[in-house]
Protein backbone atom coordinates (compact mmCIF):
# COMPACT_ATOMS: atom_id res chain seq x y z
CA MET A 1 0.02 0.08 -0.01
CA ASN A 2 1.29 3.22 -0.91
CA LEU A 3 1.49 5.45 2.42
CA HIS A 4 1.58 8.80 0.07
CA LEU A 5 -1.84 7.59 -1.70
CA LEU A 6 -3.41 6.76 1.62
CA ARG A 7 -2.15 10.24 3.35
CA VAL A 8 -3.83 12.13 0.44
CA PHE A 9 -7.08 9.84 0.76
CA LEU A 10 -7.02 10.54 4.58
CA THR A 11 -6.71 14.03 3.93
CA VAL A 12 -9.83 14.00 1.27
CA VAL A 13 -11.71 12.53 3.90
CA GLU A 14 -10.91 14.83 6.85
CA GLN A 15 -11.22 17.97 4.99
CA GLN A 16 -14.42 16.77 3.27
CA GLY A 17 -13.49 17.37 -0.24
CA PHE A 18 -10.72 17.68 -2.82
CA SER A 19 -10.20 20.96 -3.04
CA ARG A 20 -10.18 21.55 0.78
CA ALA A 21 -7.38 18.59 0.97
CA ALA A 22 -5.50 20.16 -1.89
CA GLU A 23 -5.27 23.42 -0.13
CA ALA A 24 -4.04 21.36 3.03
CA LEU A 25 -1.44 19.17 1.00
CA PHE A 26 -0.11 22.23 -0.94
CA VAL A 27 -0.72 20.26 -4.58
CA SER A 28 -3.53 20.78 -7.10
CA GLN A 29 -6.91 19.41 -6.88
CA SER A 30 -6.44 17.30 -9.92
CA ALA A 31 -3.51 15.90 -8.09
CA VAL A 32 -5.41 14.69 -5.51
CA SER A 33 -8.17 13.12 -7.63
CA LYS A 34 -5.57 11.44 -9.63
CA ALA A 35 -3.64 10.01 -6.03
CA VAL A 36 -7.37 8.88 -5.04
CA ARG A 37 -7.80 7.17 -8.15
CA GLU A 38 -4.91 5.70 -8.38
CA LEU A 39 -5.12 4.44 -4.82
CA GLU A 40 -8.44 2.37 -5.38
CA HIS A 41 -6.80 1.24 -8.73
CA GLN A 42 -4.13 -0.47 -6.46
CA LEU A 43 -6.30 -1.74 -3.88
CA ASP A 44 -9.09 -2.84 -6.71
CA LEU A 45 -11.70 -1.37 -4.46
CA PRO A 46 -14.00 1.57 -4.99
CA LEU A 47 -13.13 4.34 -1.66
CA LEU A 48 -15.36 7.13 -2.38
CA GLU A 49 -18.38 8.07 -4.02
CA ARG A 50 -19.36 11.77 -4.72
CA THR A 51 -22.60 13.13 -3.65
CA GLY A 52 -25.79 13.75 -5.77
CA SER A 53 -26.04 16.96 -7.35
CA ASP A 54 -28.16 18.48 -4.16
CA GLY A 55 -25.32 17.72 -1.93
CA LYS A 56 -26.46 15.00 -0.07
CA ALA A 57 -24.01 12.31 0.94
CA VAL A 58 -24.90 8.91 -1.13
CA ARG A 59 -23.82 6.72 2.47
CA GLY A 60 -23.46 8.50 5.45
CA GLY A 61 -20.09 9.96 4.59
CA VAL A 62 -18.96 13.86 4.94
CA HIS A 63 -20.30 16.87 3.08
CA GLY A 64 -19.37 16.63 -0.53
CA ILE A 65 -17.75 13.04 -0.09
CA ALA A 66 -19.21 9.71 0.90
CA LEU A 67 -17.32 6.73 1.44
CA THR A 68 -18.01 3.00 0.28
CA ASP A 69 -17.71 0.30 3.02
CA HIS A 70 -14.20 -0.59 1.60
CA GLY A 71 -13.73 3.10 2.04
CA ARG A 72 -14.70 3.66 5.75
CA ALA A 73 -12.56 0.47 6.60
CA VAL A 74 -9.63 1.76 4.53
CA PHE A 75 -10.23 5.36 6.44
CA GLU A 76 -10.05 3.51 9.48
CA HIS A 77 -6.74 1.62 9.03
CA ALA A 78 -5.15 5.26 7.42
CA ARG A 79 -6.00 6.92 10.68
CA ALA A 80 -4.81 4.64 13.19
CA ILE A 81 -1.44 4.60 10.83
CA PHE A 82 -0.61 8.04 10.66
CA ALA A 83 -2.05 8.60 14.37
CA LEU A 84 1.55 6.26 15.19
CA GLU A 85 3.04 8.53 12.56
CA ARG A 86 2.37 11.46 14.74
CA ILE A 87 3.09 9.47 17.87
CA ALA A 88 6.38 8.63 16.36
CA THR A 89 7.44 11.84 15.32
CA GLU A 90 6.74 13.35 18.93
CA ASP A 91 8.65 10.85 20.40
CA VAL A 92 12.01 11.34 17.87
CA ARG A 93 11.44 15.39 18.79
CA ASP A 94 11.52 14.64 22.39
CA ARG A 95 14.61 12.56 21.97
CA VAL A 96 16.16 15.09 19.84
CA GLU A 97 15.56 17.71 22.23
CA LEU A 98 16.21 15.56 25.28
CA ARG A 99 12.90 15.60 26.74
CA GLN A 100 13.24 11.72 26.79
CA GLY A 101 15.24 8.83 25.85
CA ARG A 102 18.11 6.77 27.58
CA LEU A 103 21.83 7.13 27.83
CA ARG A 104 23.75 3.89 28.79
CA ILE A 105 27.58 4.72 29.70
CA GLY A 106 29.63 1.93 30.95
CA ALA A 107 33.21 2.42 32.68
CA SER A 108 35.97 0.64 34.29
CA THR A 109 35.67 1.04 38.24
CA THR A 110 38.21 3.73 38.86
CA VAL A 111 37.01 5.78 36.23
CA ALA A 112 33.22 5.17 37.42
CA ALA A 113 34.06 6.09 40.81
CA TYR A 114 36.35 9.02 40.41
CA TRP A 115 36.05 10.50 37.16
CA LEU A 116 32.71 10.26 35.67
CA PRO A 117 30.52 11.42 38.80
CA GLN A 118 31.75 15.10 38.19
CA GLN A 119 30.73 15.47 34.90
CA LEU A 120 27.77 13.09 34.94
CA GLY A 121 25.99 14.49 38.00
CA PRO A 122 25.41 17.92 36.30
CA PHE A 123 24.37 16.59 33.07
CA VAL A 124 21.55 14.41 34.71
CA ARG A 125 20.62 17.28 36.56
CA ALA A 126 20.46 19.63 33.42
CA HIS A 127 18.16 16.35 31.82
CA PRO A 128 15.96 15.35 34.33
CA ARG A 129 13.83 13.28 31.88
CA LEU A 130 16.61 11.38 29.96
CA THR A 131 17.17 7.83 31.52
CA THR A 132 21.00 7.69 32.41
CA GLU A 133 22.54 4.15 33.41
CA LEU A 134 25.93 3.63 34.28
CA ALA A 135 27.55 0.02 33.97
CA VAL A 136 30.56 -0.69 35.76
CA ALA A 137 32.91 -3.66 35.09
CA ASN A 138 36.62 -3.96 34.43
CA THR A 139 37.92 -2.70 30.54
CA GLU A 140 37.49 -6.26 28.83
CA GLU A 141 33.94 -6.25 29.72
CA ILE A 142 33.19 -2.55 28.74
CA SER A 143 34.86 -3.32 25.34
CA ARG A 144 32.48 -6.42 25.27
CA ALA A 145 29.63 -4.33 25.92
CA VAL A 146 30.20 -1.68 23.25
CA ILE A 147 30.84 -4.39 20.93
CA ASP A 148 27.20 -5.51 21.81
CA CYS A 149 25.59 -2.32 21.79
CA THR A 150 24.31 -2.72 25.64
CA VAL A 151 26.20 0.70 26.29
CA ASP A 152 26.59 3.48 24.28
CA ILE A 153 30.08 4.47 25.10
CA GLY A 154 32.57 3.23 27.54
CA TYR A 155 35.35 4.55 29.68
CA VAL A 156 38.21 2.35 30.50
CA GLU A 157 41.86 2.59 31.74
CA GLY A 158 43.09 -0.23 29.99
CA SER A 159 44.10 -0.28 26.15
CA VAL A 160 41.64 -1.88 23.61
CA GLU A 161 42.74 -3.11 20.32
CA ASP A 162 39.73 -4.65 18.46
CA PRO A 163 38.66 -2.91 15.02
CA ARG A 164 35.25 -2.82 15.68
CA ILE A 165 35.93 -0.45 18.40
CA ALA A 166 36.66 3.09 18.08
CA VAL A 167 39.32 4.16 20.68
CA ALA A 168 39.89 7.83 21.67
CA HIS A 169 42.32 9.38 24.40
CA TRP A 170 40.58 10.85 27.22
CA ARG A 171 43.10 12.05 30.11
CA ASP A 172 45.58 11.02 31.49
CA GLU A 173 45.41 9.55 35.32
CA PRO A 174 48.10 9.65 37.84
CA LEU A 175 49.38 6.71 39.32
CA ARG A 176 51.16 5.87 42.89
CA LEU A 177 52.97 2.89 44.12
CA VAL A 178 52.10 2.58 47.78
CA ALA A 179 53.04 0.25 50.68
CA PRO A 180 51.76 -0.18 54.32
CA ALA A 181 52.80 2.73 56.55
CA ASP A 182 54.86 0.58 58.83
CA SER A 183 56.98 -0.88 56.01
CA ALA A 184 60.65 -0.48 55.74
CA LEU A 185 59.95 -0.47 52.09
CA GLY A 186 58.03 3.00 52.24
CA LEU A 187 61.11 4.34 54.54
CA ARG A 188 63.34 4.22 51.63
CA ARG A 189 64.00 6.78 49.09
CA ARG A 190 64.36 4.38 46.26
CA PRO A 191 63.97 0.54 46.83
CA SER A 192 66.17 -1.77 44.35
CA ILE A 193 64.39 -3.67 41.88
CA GLY A 194 65.51 -6.76 43.97
CA GLU A 195 63.57 -5.04 47.01
CA LEU A 196 60.47 -4.69 44.91
CA SER A 197 60.57 -8.08 43.27
CA ARG A 198 60.41 -9.65 46.93
CA GLN A 199 57.31 -8.07 47.98
CA THR A 200 53.79 -9.35 47.81
CA TRP A 201 52.10 -7.36 44.88
CA LEU A 202 48.17 -6.92 45.00
CA LEU A 203 47.06 -7.07 41.27
CA ARG A 204 43.52 -6.43 40.03
CA GLU A 205 41.80 -9.03 38.03
CA PRO A 206 42.51 -10.05 34.62
CA GLY A 207 41.28 -7.83 31.74
CA SER A 208 41.59 -4.75 34.36
CA GLY A 209 43.40 -1.86 33.07
CA THR A 210 45.22 -1.24 36.28
CA ARG A 211 46.65 -4.78 36.23
CA GLN A 212 47.73 -3.88 32.72
CA VAL A 213 49.71 -1.02 33.82
CA ALA A 214 51.46 -3.09 36.89
CA GLN A 215 52.20 -5.74 34.50
CA SER A 216 54.12 -3.15 31.87
CA LEU A 217 55.99 -1.73 34.76
CA PHE A 218 57.21 -5.20 35.73
CA ALA A 219 58.68 -5.66 32.25
CA ALA A 220 59.92 -2.06 31.79
CA ARG A 221 62.07 -2.26 35.08
CA GLY A 222 62.46 -5.66 35.66
CA ILE A 223 60.46 -6.45 38.63
CA ALA A 224 59.97 -10.21 38.98
CA PRO A 225 57.20 -10.45 41.69
CA GLU A 226 57.97 -13.42 44.29
CA ARG A 227 54.29 -13.36 45.42
CA THR A 228 51.17 -11.72 44.01
CA MET A 229 47.60 -11.68 45.36
CA GLU A 230 44.58 -10.74 43.11
CA ILE A 231 41.91 -8.79 44.39
CA GLY A 232 38.81 -7.22 42.36
CA SER A 233 38.92 -3.87 42.97
CA SER A 234 41.24 -0.71 43.57
CA GLU A 235 39.24 0.19 47.03
CA ALA A 236 39.92 -3.13 47.92
CA ILE A 237 43.54 -3.56 47.29
CA ALA A 238 44.07 0.15 48.94
CA ARG A 239 42.55 -1.14 52.06
CA ALA A 240 44.70 -4.61 51.90
CA VAL A 241 48.03 -2.29 51.42
CA VAL A 242 46.72 -0.27 54.83
CA ALA A 243 46.31 -3.73 56.37
CA GLY A 244 50.00 -4.71 55.51
CA VAL A 245 49.12 -7.30 53.07
CA GLY A 246 51.33 -6.25 50.32
CA ILE A 247 52.39 -3.00 48.19
CA ALA A 248 50.13 -2.04 45.06
CA LEU A 249 50.37 0.15 42.02
CA LEU A 250 47.17 2.25 42.24
CA PRO A 251 45.20 5.49 40.58
CA ALA A 252 46.48 8.45 42.66
CA THR A 253 42.66 9.51 43.14
CA VAL A 254 42.07 6.12 45.13
CA VAL A 255 45.02 6.60 47.47
CA ALA A 256 45.10 10.47 48.01
CA ASP A 257 43.04 10.54 51.13
CA LEU A 258 45.55 7.33 52.60
CA ILE A 259 48.68 9.29 51.76
CA LEU A 260 47.49 12.23 53.84
CA MET A 261 46.42 10.17 56.60
CA GLN A 262 49.79 8.67 56.51
CA ARG A 263 47.63 4.96 56.28
CA VAL A 264 50.06 4.15 53.35
CA ARG A 265 53.40 5.22 52.18
CA PRO A 266 54.08 6.59 48.51
CA ILE A 267 56.85 4.66 46.63
CA ALA A 268 59.49 6.71 44.46
CA LEU A 269 60.35 4.58 40.96
CA GLY A 270 63.46 6.29 39.65
CA GLU A 271 63.44 10.11 38.75
CA ASP A 272 59.46 9.68 37.45
CA GLU A 273 58.19 9.59 40.94
CA THR A 274 54.66 9.75 39.82
CA LEU A 275 53.56 7.28 37.06
CA SER A 276 50.56 7.96 34.66
CA ARG A 277 48.13 6.01 32.10
CA PRO A 278 46.18 6.99 29.73
CA LEU A 279 42.02 6.75 30.23
CA TYR A 280 40.30 6.06 26.73
CA ARG A 281 36.76 6.60 25.48
CA LEU A 282 35.31 3.44 23.30
CA GLU A 283 32.35 3.68 20.81
CA LEU A 284 31.35 1.22 18.08
CA ALA A 285 32.69 2.07 14.78
CA ASN A 286 30.51 3.68 12.41
CA ARG A 287 27.33 3.32 14.75
CA PRO A 288 25.40 6.57 14.83
CA ARG A 289 25.58 8.71 17.97
CA ALA A 290 21.99 9.15 19.64
CA PRO A 291 20.98 12.70 20.18
CA ALA A 292 21.59 11.69 24.19
CA LEU A 293 24.91 10.71 23.44
CA GLN A 294 25.93 13.45 21.28
CA ALA A 295 24.45 15.97 23.87
CA PHE A 296 26.51 14.27 26.62
CA LEU A 297 29.81 14.33 24.75
CA GLU A 298 29.12 18.18 23.81
CA TYR A 299 28.89 18.90 27.64
CA GLU A 300 31.91 16.82 28.66
CA ARG A 301 34.21 18.83 25.71
CA GLU A 302 32.76 22.03 27.41
CA HIS A 303 33.18 21.18 31.05
């Protein structure tokens, strides 16, 4: 069924005549008549009957236009179809103007806890009718969520190499190597590679960006830990360091208060006392951005 022809037919009935339909549609009356005839031909059904010379409808139609039984059925279908179209148009307009819609963000644990809230909070307050979701997982899991389109965008601290994902540098995050406050290692200015290797290193799980950075540090400095312990969150690792379980390389934001309160000690690594790592923004390559996501990225750039 040709929807353009159906729309012309609907307008003829609603406007109670061909001439008024032509004015409403900004076309000629002959074009309207032709469209209705073509629709009748396509459907192989008579839809309209003109009234008699006295202007009275032949069958309970509207002034100047009478519907056949077939025409009445098609008219009801057309009215329902274009009512749905209006609803869809209004819904899309609301989403474009951010009066409704959904923004789904995925972030690795440290990014979700320390970096995103300061930007996400004001954005959510500015757009209270948006449904905003924040999924928290490690870098590998967020990458998979981006590919599966269960999130619109991802923010991670680990490197991602997948041709399906568009990776952009987001910002750099300082890192600190910390030891328990009463550790002799923490009292040394620059511990040796051997001393570092003899420590118990507390590491995140495989797939975590923080673990990737720690392993890169091992390779770059020649550190070969005799013992390691795997713990599933940076905050839990920091508390384990406080308890004297071992040492750890952690985001500076995670341990800043603990260092200030002297519950852990920072350890210098050569001349670059403070290390850093890049944080990345992930999107599915060639996926169009929804209006809510585009608005969030614009807000992010401005702030």
